[in-house]
């Protein structure tokens, strides 16, 4: 049973400093690179990386020398791809570097000339990545996420209940992650969440709900709050094409293989019911498995108002960031609105669709951040290049290498060979079965390696499998793309999982138990809802 708790204490009371210091003193929140693993985890990671160092080249060499009867070019490409997949899973080197090693090997082995291999790095999606990441960097630097969080938490009644606070954080992370990196969203909101957890923990101690020597990082309410941050970001990341790297990678591979064009509005309309269903399932599982120790609270309102007061009015930099962000989203949506109002045969739609490429629009928005001034006299802009240089260039490189291998699979005929072999041996005979296979395979791989690598690995396998069966690959490949953002069970599955695990508030057993249920129910939602929504929205047609 949850217990009601009321208190008149505010976060500024002197007696609260001990618990708050335990949560906010900088010893519990650690960035991904600063996290400390347990001895058992360190041993496992070392073994995994060591295995990758030797297994990747050995597997590639052995496969290249096997008398498979395959076309020689196809066999060499398959050998390199096998080695790259092992590098991605075992991570003896950073995942983007593993992809670059594969690209180098492909050229050195003569699978294709360098200019042909490297052509996908000029893809429009590369520029969408760059622009979106720069916009996210500005939002992170200028505190847009915290301002949004405090605005939502200030809604009357929200801060009176632990359940509402947790749901509110889920809504905030979903909304932000639709446009900003999942990892950046969680990193931006983590200090706010820990501050609220500190207040709740102190109130529980004051009212005798917990013992005086309790560990505030071992409360169920804390685990629920942290997991809602991580999982909410993954759910929201599905909503738009730019919401997470797997979306852009999967979309690029699908467009490259099928010739279909997936626009911003169609993607969002297709994903919205899935995201809504997943959020409802997330809330249900979260409160069943991590039921907060208390329900009603007081004191969080004062903390929120205190933080809002510290923020003060919106700064010029915040306003500029919102202008750049708003213009970018508006231009992304404009061609779709033109098609709805004037029709796809109209001159205005043709003009906008031709000019407002998503990558170009993202670059426009990002460029504005270096133009809009925060101090004209000093010629100081909203963002500096040193800020932009910190964006996730690794993901951009990984996307380029993923598209390269996707294109080479098609060009060499290896995709068709893989598809026919899989169709003959797997016994998959219809689109429902292959959609389920695609989603489950993507989830399985994303549990053991990054969700970005999962999309880069699974989608190129699914497409030729569908072609060999004579099935339209669009739905299964899109299912694999969506499912690649799953992987909720382990800290290694996604960066946001690792960040909340690093807070110290989420025991590994809770993450595994909660994530397993969400993986299963989420896969069912994708398999059942996605084909229906593709038919309704006409995405890719």
Protein backbone atom coordinates (compact mmCIF):
# COMPACT_ATOMS: atom_id res chain seq x y z
CA UNK A 1 0.00 0.00 0.00
CA UNK A 2 1.21 3.48 -0.83
CA UNK A 3 1.09 5.85 2.11
CA UNK A 4 0.06 9.49 2.13
CA UNK A 5 2.71 11.92 3.25
CA UNK A 6 2.41 15.60 3.96
CA UNK A 7 4.98 17.97 5.31
CA UNK A 8 5.43 21.66 5.63
CA UNK A 9 9.16 21.52 5.21
CA UNK A 10 10.68 23.16 2.19
CA UNK A 11 13.88 22.28 0.33
CA UNK A 12 15.63 25.19 2.02
CA UNK A 13 15.16 23.85 5.57
CA UNK A 14 18.56 23.31 7.23
CA UNK A 15 17.69 19.81 8.46
CA UNK A 16 17.25 18.63 4.89
CA UNK A 17 20.81 19.17 3.81
CA UNK A 18 22.09 15.67 4.57
CA UNK A 19 19.71 13.77 2.31
CA UNK A 20 19.84 16.40 -0.42
CA UNK A 21 23.64 16.39 -0.32
CA UNK A 22 23.61 12.63 -0.74
CA UNK A 23 21.69 13.03 -3.98
CA UNK A 24 22.93 16.37 -5.30
CA UNK A 25 26.50 16.54 -4.09
CA UNK A 26 27.87 15.34 -7.39
CA UNK A 27 28.77 11.87 -6.13
CA UNK A 28 25.74 10.10 -7.56
CA UNK A 29 25.26 11.74 -10.95
CA UNK A 30 27.94 10.75 -13.40
CA UNK A 31 28.18 11.18 -17.14
CA UNK A 32 28.52 8.06 -19.22
CA UNK A 33 32.30 8.36 -19.46
CA UNK A 34 32.63 8.83 -15.69
CA UNK A 35 30.56 5.89 -14.55
CA UNK A 36 32.24 3.27 -12.41
CA UNK A 37 31.42 -0.36 -13.04
CA UNK A 38 31.33 -3.07 -10.42
CA UNK A 39 34.23 -5.57 -10.48
CA UNK A 40 31.97 -8.17 -12.09
CA UNK A 41 30.83 -5.71 -14.77
CA UNK A 42 34.40 -4.62 -15.45
CA UNK A 43 35.45 -8.26 -15.85
CA UNK A 44 32.63 -8.90 -18.31
CA UNK A 45 33.40 -5.77 -20.35
CA UNK A 46 37.10 -6.64 -20.56
CA UNK A 47 36.28 -10.18 -21.67
CA UNK A 48 33.83 -8.89 -24.30
CA UNK A 49 36.32 -6.40 -25.71
CA UNK A 50 39.20 -8.89 -25.69
CA UNK A 51 37.05 -11.42 -27.52
CA UNK A 52 36.22 -8.82 -30.16
CA UNK A 53 39.87 -7.99 -30.82
CA UNK A 54 40.61 -11.56 -31.89
CA UNK A 55 37.24 -12.87 -33.04
CA UNK A 56 36.47 -10.11 -35.56
CA UNK A 57 39.56 -10.54 -37.79
CA UNK A 58 39.58 -14.33 -37.31
CA UNK A 59 35.93 -14.70 -38.33
CA UNK A 60 36.38 -12.39 -41.32
CA UNK A 61 39.50 -14.23 -42.52
CA UNK A 62 38.00 -17.69 -42.09
CA UNK A 63 34.81 -16.75 -43.93
CA UNK A 64 36.81 -15.14 -46.75
CA UNK A 65 38.77 -18.40 -47.25
CA UNK A 66 35.84 -20.83 -46.99
CA UNK A 67 34.86 -22.65 -50.22
CA UNK A 68 31.31 -21.27 -50.17
CA UNK A 69 30.79 -21.18 -53.92
CA UNK A 70 29.69 -17.53 -53.65
CA UNK A 71 30.75 -14.82 -56.05
CA UNK A 72 34.18 -13.68 -54.87
CA UNK A 73 33.15 -10.02 -54.43
CA UNK A 74 30.10 -11.04 -52.43
CA UNK A 75 32.15 -13.34 -50.22
CA UNK A 76 34.73 -10.66 -49.44
CA UNK A 77 32.01 -8.15 -48.60
CA UNK A 78 30.26 -10.73 -46.38
CA UNK A 79 33.54 -11.46 -44.59
CA UNK A 80 34.15 -7.76 -43.91
CA UNK A 81 30.56 -7.23 -42.79
CA UNK A 82 30.81 -10.20 -40.43
CA UNK A 83 33.94 -8.74 -38.87
CA UNK A 84 32.31 -5.31 -38.52
CA UNK A 85 29.21 -6.76 -36.84
CA UNK A 86 31.46 -8.52 -34.30
CA UNK A 87 33.31 -5.24 -33.70
CA UNK A 88 29.98 -3.48 -33.14
CA UNK A 89 28.76 -6.11 -30.68
CA UNK A 90 31.98 -6.62 -28.72
CA UNK A 91 33.23 -3.00 -28.95
CA UNK A 92 37.00 -3.57 -28.75
CA UNK A 93 37.12 -0.20 -30.52
CA UNK A 94 34.43 2.54 -30.49
CA UNK A 95 31.45 1.52 -32.64
CA UNK A 96 31.96 4.29 -35.27
CA UNK A 97 35.63 3.27 -35.64
CA UNK A 98 34.53 -0.33 -36.24
CA UNK A 99 32.46 0.90 -39.18
CA UNK A 100 35.36 2.93 -40.57
CA UNK A 101 37.67 -0.11 -40.36
CA UNK A 102 35.14 -2.02 -42.43
CA UNK A 103 34.97 0.74 -45.05
CA UNK A 104 38.76 0.74 -45.37
CA UNK A 105 38.82 -3.06 -45.70
CA UNK A 106 36.17 -3.00 -48.44
CA UNK A 107 38.26 -0.61 -50.55
CA UNK A 108 41.59 -2.39 -49.89
CA UNK A 109 40.07 -5.75 -50.86
CA UNK A 110 38.78 -4.34 -54.13
CA UNK A 111 35.09 -4.89 -53.46
CA UNK A 112 34.39 -1.44 -54.92
CA UNK A 113 36.39 1.72 -55.74
CA UNK A 114 36.79 4.35 -53.04
CA UNK A 115 34.70 7.07 -54.71
CA UNK A 116 31.76 4.66 -55.07
CA UNK A 117 32.10 3.36 -51.51
CA UNK A 118 32.27 6.82 -49.93
CA UNK A 119 29.42 8.37 -51.93
CA UNK A 120 26.77 7.77 -49.18
CA UNK A 121 28.62 10.17 -46.88
CA UNK A 122 27.07 12.90 -49.03
CA UNK A 123 23.58 11.71 -48.11
CA UNK A 124 21.06 14.38 -47.10
CA UNK A 125 20.49 12.46 -43.87
CA UNK A 126 24.07 13.17 -42.81
CA UNK A 127 23.21 16.87 -42.83
CA UNK A 128 19.94 16.21 -41.00
CA UNK A 129 22.00 14.55 -38.28
CA UNK A 130 24.47 17.43 -38.09
CA UNK A 131 21.80 20.14 -37.98
CA UNK A 132 19.64 18.33 -35.42
CA UNK A 133 22.62 17.63 -33.18
CA UNK A 134 23.72 21.28 -33.26
CA UNK A 135 20.20 22.40 -32.32
CA UNK A 136 20.26 19.89 -29.46
CA UNK A 137 23.62 21.27 -28.31
CA UNK A 138 22.10 24.75 -28.06
CA UNK A 139 19.12 23.46 -26.09
CA UNK A 140 21.47 21.64 -23.72
CA UNK A 141 23.74 24.66 -23.27
CA UNK A 142 20.97 27.18 -22.59
CA UNK A 143 18.74 25.07 -20.33
CA UNK A 144 15.63 24.82 -22.49
CA UNK A 145 14.80 21.34 -21.13
CA UNK A 146 14.89 22.45 -17.50
CA UNK A 147 12.58 25.38 -18.24
CA UNK A 148 10.10 23.06 -19.96
CA UNK A 149 10.34 20.59 -17.07
CA UNK A 150 9.57 23.22 -14.44
CA UNK A 151 6.69 24.58 -16.56
CA UNK A 152 5.06 21.14 -16.72
CA UNK A 153 5.73 20.35 -13.06
CA UNK A 154 4.17 23.71 -12.11
CA UNK A 155 0.79 22.65 -13.51
CA UNK A 156 -1.61 22.66 -10.52
CA UNK A 157 -1.77 19.29 -8.80
CA UNK A 158 1.15 17.64 -10.60
CA UNK A 159 3.71 18.08 -7.81
CA UNK A 160 1.27 16.82 -5.14
CA UNK A 161 1.63 13.16 -6.16
CA UNK A 162 4.67 10.99 -6.81
CA UNK A 163 2.69 9.21 -9.54
CA UNK A 164 1.93 12.49 -11.32
CA UNK A 165 5.52 13.69 -10.98
CA UNK A 166 6.81 10.47 -12.57
CA UNK A 167 4.24 10.64 -15.38
CA UNK A 168 5.09 14.32 -15.93
CA UNK A 169 8.77 13.49 -16.36
CA UNK A 170 7.79 10.80 -18.86
CA UNK A 171 5.73 13.29 -20.88
CA UNK A 172 8.55 15.87 -20.82
CA UNK A 173 11.19 13.39 -21.99
CA UNK A 174 8.88 12.06 -24.71
CA UNK A 175 8.24 15.54 -26.09
CA UNK A 176 11.88 16.61 -25.99
CA UNK A 177 13.21 13.33 -27.38
CA UNK A 178 11.01 13.67 -30.44
CA UNK A 179 13.37 16.42 -31.60
CA UNK A 180 16.46 16.25 -29.38
CA UNK A 181 18.90 13.39 -28.82
CA UNK A 182 17.56 10.87 -26.27
CA UNK A 183 20.88 10.95 -24.46
CA UNK A 184 20.99 14.75 -24.32
CA UNK A 185 17.40 14.87 -23.04
CA UNK A 186 18.14 12.52 -20.14
CA UNK A 187 21.39 14.33 -19.34
CA UNK A 188 19.55 17.68 -19.26
CA UNK A 189 16.74 16.48 -16.99
CA UNK A 190 18.76 14.28 -14.63
CA UNK A 191 19.77 17.06 -12.18
CA UNK A 192 16.15 18.24 -11.92
CA UNK A 193 14.90 14.70 -11.29
CA UNK A 194 17.54 14.11 -8.62
CA UNK A 195 16.61 17.38 -6.94
CA UNK A 196 12.97 16.34 -6.70
CA UNK A 197 14.00 12.89 -5.47
CA UNK A 198 16.05 14.56 -2.74
CA UNK A 199 13.00 16.48 -1.56
CA UNK A 200 10.83 13.36 -1.54
CA UNK A 201 13.49 11.38 0.33
CA UNK A 202 13.84 14.08 2.98
CA UNK A 203 10.08 14.24 3.48
CA UNK A 204 9.95 10.47 3.89
CA UNK A 205 12.66 10.62 6.52
CA UNK A 206 10.98 13.50 8.37
CA UNK A 207 7.72 11.58 8.63
CA UNK A 208 9.30 8.31 9.65
CA UNK A 209 8.39 6.45 6.48
CA UNK A 210 12.01 5.28 6.30
CA UNK A 211 14.70 4.77 8.89
CA UNK A 212 17.14 7.51 9.71
CA UNK A 213 20.07 5.65 8.10
CA UNK A 214 18.23 4.77 4.87
CA UNK A 215 19.90 5.06 1.46
CA UNK A 216 17.92 7.60 -0.63
CA UNK A 217 19.24 5.97 -3.79
CA UNK A 218 17.49 2.70 -3.03
CA UNK A 219 13.90 3.98 -2.99
CA UNK A 220 11.40 2.50 -5.44
CA UNK A 221 10.17 5.99 -6.23
CA UNK A 222 13.71 6.92 -7.27
CA UNK A 223 14.06 3.88 -9.51
CA UNK A 224 10.68 4.63 -11.12
CA UNK A 225 11.64 8.27 -11.73
CA UNK A 226 15.02 7.41 -13.26
CA UNK A 227 13.66 4.59 -15.42
CA UNK A 228 10.84 6.84 -16.64
CA UNK A 229 13.48 9.30 -17.80
CA UNK A 230 15.39 6.66 -19.77
CA UNK A 231 12.43 4.75 -21.19
CA UNK A 232 10.35 7.85 -21.87
CA UNK A 233 13.20 9.20 -23.99
CA UNK A 234 13.30 5.98 -26.02
CA UNK A 235 9.54 6.08 -26.58
CA UNK A 236 9.51 9.75 -27.58
CA UNK A 237 12.47 9.20 -29.88
CA UNK A 238 10.26 7.08 -32.14
CA UNK A 239 7.84 9.92 -32.84
CA UNK A 240 9.79 11.78 -35.54
CA UNK A 241 12.48 10.80 -38.07
CA UNK A 242 15.01 12.97 -36.23
CA UNK A 243 14.04 11.67 -32.77
CA UNK A 244 16.86 9.14 -32.54
CA UNK A 245 19.77 7.93 -34.70
CA UNK A 246 18.17 4.51 -35.45
CA UNK A 247 15.25 6.33 -37.09
CA UNK A 248 17.47 8.21 -39.51
CA UNK A 249 19.66 5.18 -40.16
CA UNK A 250 16.69 2.86 -40.78
CA UNK A 251 14.91 5.42 -42.93
CA UNK A 252 18.02 6.02 -45.00
CA UNK A 253 18.54 2.29 -45.57
CA UNK A 254 14.87 1.76 -46.49
CA UNK A 255 14.87 4.68 -48.91
CA UNK A 256 18.15 3.50 -50.45
CA UNK A 257 16.87 -0.05 -50.95
CA UNK A 258 13.26 0.58 -51.96
CA UNK A 259 13.32 4.00 -53.59
CA UNK A 260 10.45 5.06 -51.30
CA UNK A 261 10.45 8.53 -49.77
CA UNK A 262 9.44 8.84 -46.12
CA UNK A 263 8.50 12.40 -45.20
CA UNK A 264 8.38 13.95 -41.74
CA UNK A 265 4.60 14.10 -41.31
CA UNK A 266 3.95 10.56 -42.57
CA UNK A 267 6.52 9.17 -40.16
CA UNK A 268 5.04 11.10 -37.22
CA UNK A 269 1.46 10.08 -38.07
CA UNK A 270 2.54 6.43 -38.31
CA UNK A 271 4.52 6.47 -35.08
CA UNK A 272 2.10 8.49 -32.92
CA UNK A 273 -0.33 5.66 -32.00
CA UNK A 274 2.59 3.31 -31.30
CA UNK A 275 4.23 5.90 -29.03
CA UNK A 276 0.94 6.57 -27.22
CA UNK A 277 0.37 2.85 -26.67
CA UNK A 278 3.96 2.34 -25.51
CA UNK A 279 3.71 5.22 -23.05
CA UNK A 280 0.54 3.75 -21.54
CA UNK A 281 2.23 0.35 -21.24
CA UNK A 282 5.33 2.02 -19.77
CA UNK A 283 3.32 3.73 -17.04
CA UNK A 284 1.48 0.50 -16.22
CA UNK A 285 4.64 -1.61 -15.97
CA UNK A 286 6.53 1.10 -14.10
CA UNK A 287 3.99 1.38 -11.30
CA UNK A 288 3.33 -2.35 -11.08
CA UNK A 289 7.01 -3.24 -10.69
CA UNK A 290 8.32 -0.07 -8.99
CA UNK A 291 5.40 1.14 -6.90
CA UNK A 292 6.41 4.35 -5.07
CA UNK A 293 6.57 4.07 -1.30
CA UNK A 294 4.34 7.14 -0.96
CA UNK A 295 1.59 8.66 -3.05
CA UNK A 296 0.72 12.17 -1.86
CA UNK A 297 3.47 14.66 -1.13
CA UNK A 298 3.98 18.30 -0.28
CA UNK A 299 7.19 20.26 -0.48
CA UNK A 300 8.02 19.57 -4.13
CA UNK A 301 6.04 22.67 -5.15
CA UNK A 302 8.38 24.85 -3.12
CA UNK A 303 11.43 23.23 -4.69
CA UNK A 304 10.06 23.83 -8.20
CA UNK A 305 9.21 27.45 -7.49
CA UNK A 306 12.68 27.96 -5.99
CA UNK A 307 14.30 26.58 -9.13
CA UNK A 308 12.05 28.63 -11.43
CA UNK A 309 12.98 31.76 -9.50
CA UNK A 310 16.66 30.98 -10.00
CA UNK A 311 16.09 30.65 -13.75
CA UNK A 312 14.50 34.09 -13.99
CA UNK A 313 13.20 35.39 -17.30
CA UNK A 314 14.13 33.75 -20.56
CA UNK A 315 17.54 34.88 -21.75
CA UNK A 316 18.28 36.15 -25.22
CA UNK A 317 20.11 32.89 -25.94
CA UNK A 318 17.07 30.81 -24.96
CA UNK A 319 14.78 32.90 -27.15
CA UNK A 320 17.18 32.60 -30.09
CA UNK A 321 17.38 28.84 -29.62
CA UNK A 322 13.59 28.55 -29.64
CA UNK A 323 13.40 30.72 -32.78
CA UNK A 324 15.90 28.48 -34.61
CA UNK A 325 14.18 25.32 -33.38
CA UNK A 326 10.69 26.59 -34.22
CA UNK A 327 11.72 27.66 -37.72
CA UNK A 328 13.35 24.29 -38.38
CA UNK A 329 10.28 22.30 -37.34
CA UNK A 330 7.99 24.64 -39.31
CA UNK A 331 10.02 24.21 -42.49
CA UNK A 332 10.11 20.44 -41.98
CA UNK A 333 6.31 20.40 -41.81
CA UNK A 334 5.59 22.96 -44.54
CA UNK A 335 5.68 20.61 -47.58
CA UNK A 336 3.24 18.24 -45.86
CA UNK A 337 0.84 21.06 -45.06
CA UNK A 338 1.08 22.26 -48.65
CA UNK A 339 0.18 18.79 -49.89
CA UNK A 340 -2.87 18.70 -47.60
CA UNK A 341 -4.14 22.14 -48.59
CA UNK A 342 -3.12 22.48 -52.24
CA UNK A 343 -2.60 18.83 -53.21
CA UNK A 344 0.48 16.91 -54.28
CA UNK A 345 -0.01 17.99 -57.91
CA UNK A 346 0.18 21.72 -57.10
CA UNK A 347 3.08 23.93 -58.07
CA UNK A 348 3.52 25.20 -54.50
CA UNK A 349 3.90 21.67 -53.14
CA UNK A 350 6.38 20.73 -55.88
CA UNK A 351 8.39 23.88 -55.15
CA UNK A 352 8.49 23.36 -51.37
CA UNK A 353 9.14 19.62 -51.60
CA UNK A 354 12.04 20.24 -53.97
CA UNK A 355 13.61 23.09 -51.98
CA UNK A 356 12.94 22.19 -48.35
CA UNK A 357 14.96 19.02 -48.08
CA UNK A 358 15.15 17.89 -44.44
CA UNK A 359 18.93 18.03 -44.38
CA UNK A 360 19.01 21.54 -45.82
CA UNK A 361 16.35 22.72 -43.37
CA UNK A 362 18.33 21.28 -40.44
CA UNK A 363 21.42 23.16 -41.63
CA UNK A 364 19.36 26.39 -41.89
CA UNK A 365 18.21 26.03 -38.28
CA UNK A 366 21.70 25.18 -37.06
CA UNK A 367 23.24 28.09 -38.99
CA UNK A 368 20.83 30.53 -37.34
CA UNK A 369 22.38 29.69 -33.97
CA UNK A 370 25.68 31.16 -35.21
CA UNK A 371 23.92 34.25 -36.62
CA UNK A 372 21.35 35.28 -34.01
CA UNK A 373 23.28 37.41 -31.48
CA UNK A 374 23.13 37.35 -27.71
CA UNK A 375 25.37 40.43 -27.55
CA UNK A 376 25.64 42.36 -30.80
CA UNK A 377 28.21 44.81 -29.46
CA UNK A 378 30.60 41.96 -28.70
CA UNK A 379 29.49 40.02 -31.81
CA UNK A 380 28.58 37.08 -29.57
CA UNK A 381 26.22 34.57 -31.15
CA UNK A 382 23.87 32.01 -29.55
CA UNK A 383 26.31 29.16 -30.15
CA UNK A 384 30.06 29.00 -30.74
CA UNK A 385 31.86 26.52 -32.92
CA UNK A 386 33.52 24.98 -29.88
CA UNK A 387 29.99 24.15 -28.65
CA UNK A 388 29.06 22.61 -32.00
CA UNK A 389 32.27 20.61 -32.17
CA UNK A 390 31.08 18.61 -29.16
CA UNK A 391 28.12 17.03 -30.99
CA UNK A 392 27.93 13.27 -31.50
CA UNK A 393 30.17 12.96 -34.56
CA UNK A 394 30.51 9.23 -33.85
CA UNK A 395 26.86 8.62 -34.65
CA UNK A 396 27.19 10.60 -37.87
CA UNK A 397 30.15 8.44 -38.92
CA UNK A 398 28.27 5.29 -37.96
CA UNK A 399 25.29 6.34 -40.07
CA UNK A 400 27.54 6.91 -43.08
CA UNK A 401 29.20 3.52 -42.73
CA UNK A 402 25.82 1.82 -42.26
CA UNK A 403 24.50 3.33 -45.48
CA UNK A 404 27.73 2.34 -47.25
CA UNK A 405 27.29 -1.31 -46.34
CA UNK A 406 23.61 -1.17 -47.23
CA UNK A 407 24.43 0.17 -50.69
CA UNK A 408 27.21 -2.38 -51.21
CA UNK A 409 24.93 -5.24 -50.19
CA UNK A 410 22.60 -4.27 -53.00
CA UNK A 411 25.25 -3.39 -55.59
CA UNK A 412 27.21 -6.63 -55.22
CA UNK A 413 24.14 -8.87 -55.09
CA UNK A 414 25.02 -10.09 -51.60
CA UNK A 415 21.68 -8.84 -50.29
CA UNK A 416 19.82 -11.12 -52.67
CA UNK A 417 22.07 -14.06 -51.78
CA UNK A 418 21.51 -13.53 -48.04
CA UNK A 419 17.78 -13.15 -48.56
CA UNK A 420 17.40 -16.37 -50.53
CA UNK A 421 19.48 -18.34 -48.04
CA UNK A 422 17.50 -16.96 -45.09
CA UNK A 423 14.17 -17.62 -46.80
CA UNK A 424 15.17 -21.24 -47.47
CA UNK A 425 16.43 -21.94 -43.95
CA UNK A 426 14.27 -19.90 -41.58
CA UNK A 427 10.91 -21.22 -42.68
CA UNK A 428 9.36 -17.73 -42.65
CA UNK A 429 6.51 -17.73 -45.12
CA UNK A 430 4.44 -14.55 -44.67
CA UNK A 431 4.76 -10.85 -43.92
CA UNK A 432 3.42 -11.17 -40.36
CA UNK A 433 6.09 -13.73 -39.48
CA UNK A 434 8.90 -11.73 -41.04
CA UNK A 435 7.72 -8.52 -39.34
CA UNK A 436 7.78 -10.32 -35.98
CA UNK A 437 11.19 -11.80 -36.78
CA UNK A 438 12.53 -8.35 -37.73
CA UNK A 439 11.28 -6.65 -34.57
CA UNK A 440 12.46 -9.37 -32.20
CA UNK A 441 15.90 -9.61 -33.86
CA UNK A 442 16.36 -5.83 -33.58
CA UNK A 443 15.38 -5.89 -29.89
CA UNK A 444 17.72 -8.79 -29.18
CA UNK A 445 20.68 -7.08 -30.84
CA UNK A 446 19.92 -3.72 -29.22
CA UNK A 447 20.09 -5.40 -25.80
CA UNK A 448 23.70 -6.42 -26.40
CA UNK A 449 24.96 -3.43 -28.35
CA UNK A 450 23.89 0.15 -29.12
CA UNK A 451 20.48 0.78 -30.66
CA UNK A 452 22.19 2.70 -33.45
CA UNK A 453 24.32 -0.30 -34.37
CA UNK A 454 21.24 -2.52 -34.12
CA UNK A 455 19.49 -0.57 -36.87
CA UNK A 456 22.63 -0.62 -39.02
CA UNK A 457 22.89 -4.42 -38.64
CA UNK A 458 19.29 -5.62 -38.82
CA UNK A 459 17.68 -3.49 -41.55
CA UNK A 460 20.19 -4.59 -44.25
CA UNK A 461 19.40 -8.22 -43.32
CA UNK A 462 15.62 -7.80 -43.36
CA UNK A 463 15.32 -6.09 -46.73
CA UNK A 464 16.97 -8.84 -48.84
CA UNK A 465 15.09 -11.49 -46.87
CA UNK A 466 11.80 -9.86 -47.90
CA UNK A 467 12.90 -9.47 -51.51
CA UNK A 468 13.83 -13.15 -51.71
CA UNK A 469 10.38 -14.09 -50.38
CA UNK A 470 8.62 -11.76 -52.79
CA UNK A 471 7.34 -9.62 -49.89
CA UNK A 472 7.30 -5.83 -49.77
CA UNK A 473 10.18 -5.06 -47.37
CA UNK A 474 8.79 -1.73 -46.19
CA UNK A 475 6.81 -2.82 -43.11
CA UNK A 476 9.32 -5.40 -41.80
CA UNK A 477 12.24 -2.97 -42.29
CA UNK A 478 10.32 -0.17 -40.55
CA UNK A 479 9.44 -2.56 -37.71
CA UNK A 480 13.13 -3.36 -37.30
CA UNK A 481 13.93 0.37 -37.28
CA UNK A 482 11.39 1.08 -34.54
CA UNK A 483 12.41 -1.97 -32.51
CA UNK A 484 16.08 -0.96 -32.69
CA UNK A 485 15.26 1.84 -30.25
CA UNK A 486 14.22 -0.79 -27.73
CA UNK A 487 16.65 -2.58 -25.48
CA UNK A 488 15.47 -1.60 -22.03
CA UNK A 489 16.97 -4.37 -19.90
CA UNK A 490 20.66 -3.49 -19.54
CA UNK A 491 22.76 -0.36 -18.99
CA UNK A 492 24.71 -1.15 -22.17
CA UNK A 493 21.54 -1.26 -24.29
CA UNK A 494 21.19 2.52 -24.72
CA UNK A 495 23.19 5.54 -23.51
CA UNK A 496 20.18 6.83 -21.58
CA UNK A 497 19.94 3.50 -19.73
CA UNK A 498 23.61 3.84 -18.83
CA UNK A 499 23.14 7.40 -17.58
CA UNK A 500 20.28 6.58 -15.20
CA UNK A 501 22.07 3.45 -14.05
CA UNK A 502 25.07 5.63 -13.30
CA UNK A 503 22.92 7.78 -11.01
CA UNK A 504 23.01 4.94 -8.50
CA UNK A 505 19.22 5.01 -8.08
CA UNK A 506 18.46 2.02 -10.33
CA UNK A 507 19.65 -1.44 -9.24
CA UNK A 508 20.45 -3.69 -12.20
CA UNK A 509 17.79 -6.20 -11.13
CA UNK A 510 15.07 -3.53 -11.34
CA UNK A 511 16.25 -2.43 -14.77
CA UNK A 512 16.29 -6.00 -16.08
CA UNK A 513 12.88 -6.86 -14.66
CA UNK A 514 11.19 -3.65 -15.81
CA UNK A 515 12.92 -3.63 -19.19
CA UNK A 516 12.03 -7.23 -19.98
CA UNK A 517 8.31 -6.57 -19.60
CA UNK A 518 8.54 -3.41 -21.68
CA UNK A 519 10.51 -5.19 -24.43
CA UNK A 520 7.85 -7.89 -24.80
CA UNK A 521 4.81 -5.63 -24.74
CA UNK A 522 6.49 -3.04 -26.95
CA UNK A 523 7.30 -5.67 -29.57
CA UNK A 524 3.65 -6.77 -29.57
CA UNK A 525 2.55 -3.17 -30.11
CA UNK A 526 4.91 -2.70 -33.07
CA UNK A 527 3.94 -5.98 -34.72
CA UNK A 528 0.20 -5.37 -34.31
CA UNK A 529 -0.14 -1.60 -34.88
CA UNK A 530 2.56 -0.74 -37.42
CA UNK A 531 1.05 -2.58 -40.46
CA UNK A 532 -2.31 -0.91 -39.77
CA UNK A 533 -0.80 2.58 -39.52
CA UNK A 534 1.29 2.09 -42.67
CA UNK A 535 -1.93 1.29 -44.51
CA UNK A 536 -3.72 4.32 -43.08
CA UNK A 537 -1.00 6.94 -43.57
CA UNK A 538 0.36 5.60 -46.87
CA UNK A 539 3.90 6.20 -45.62
CA UNK A 540 6.53 5.51 -48.26
CA UNK A 541 3.98 5.36 -51.06
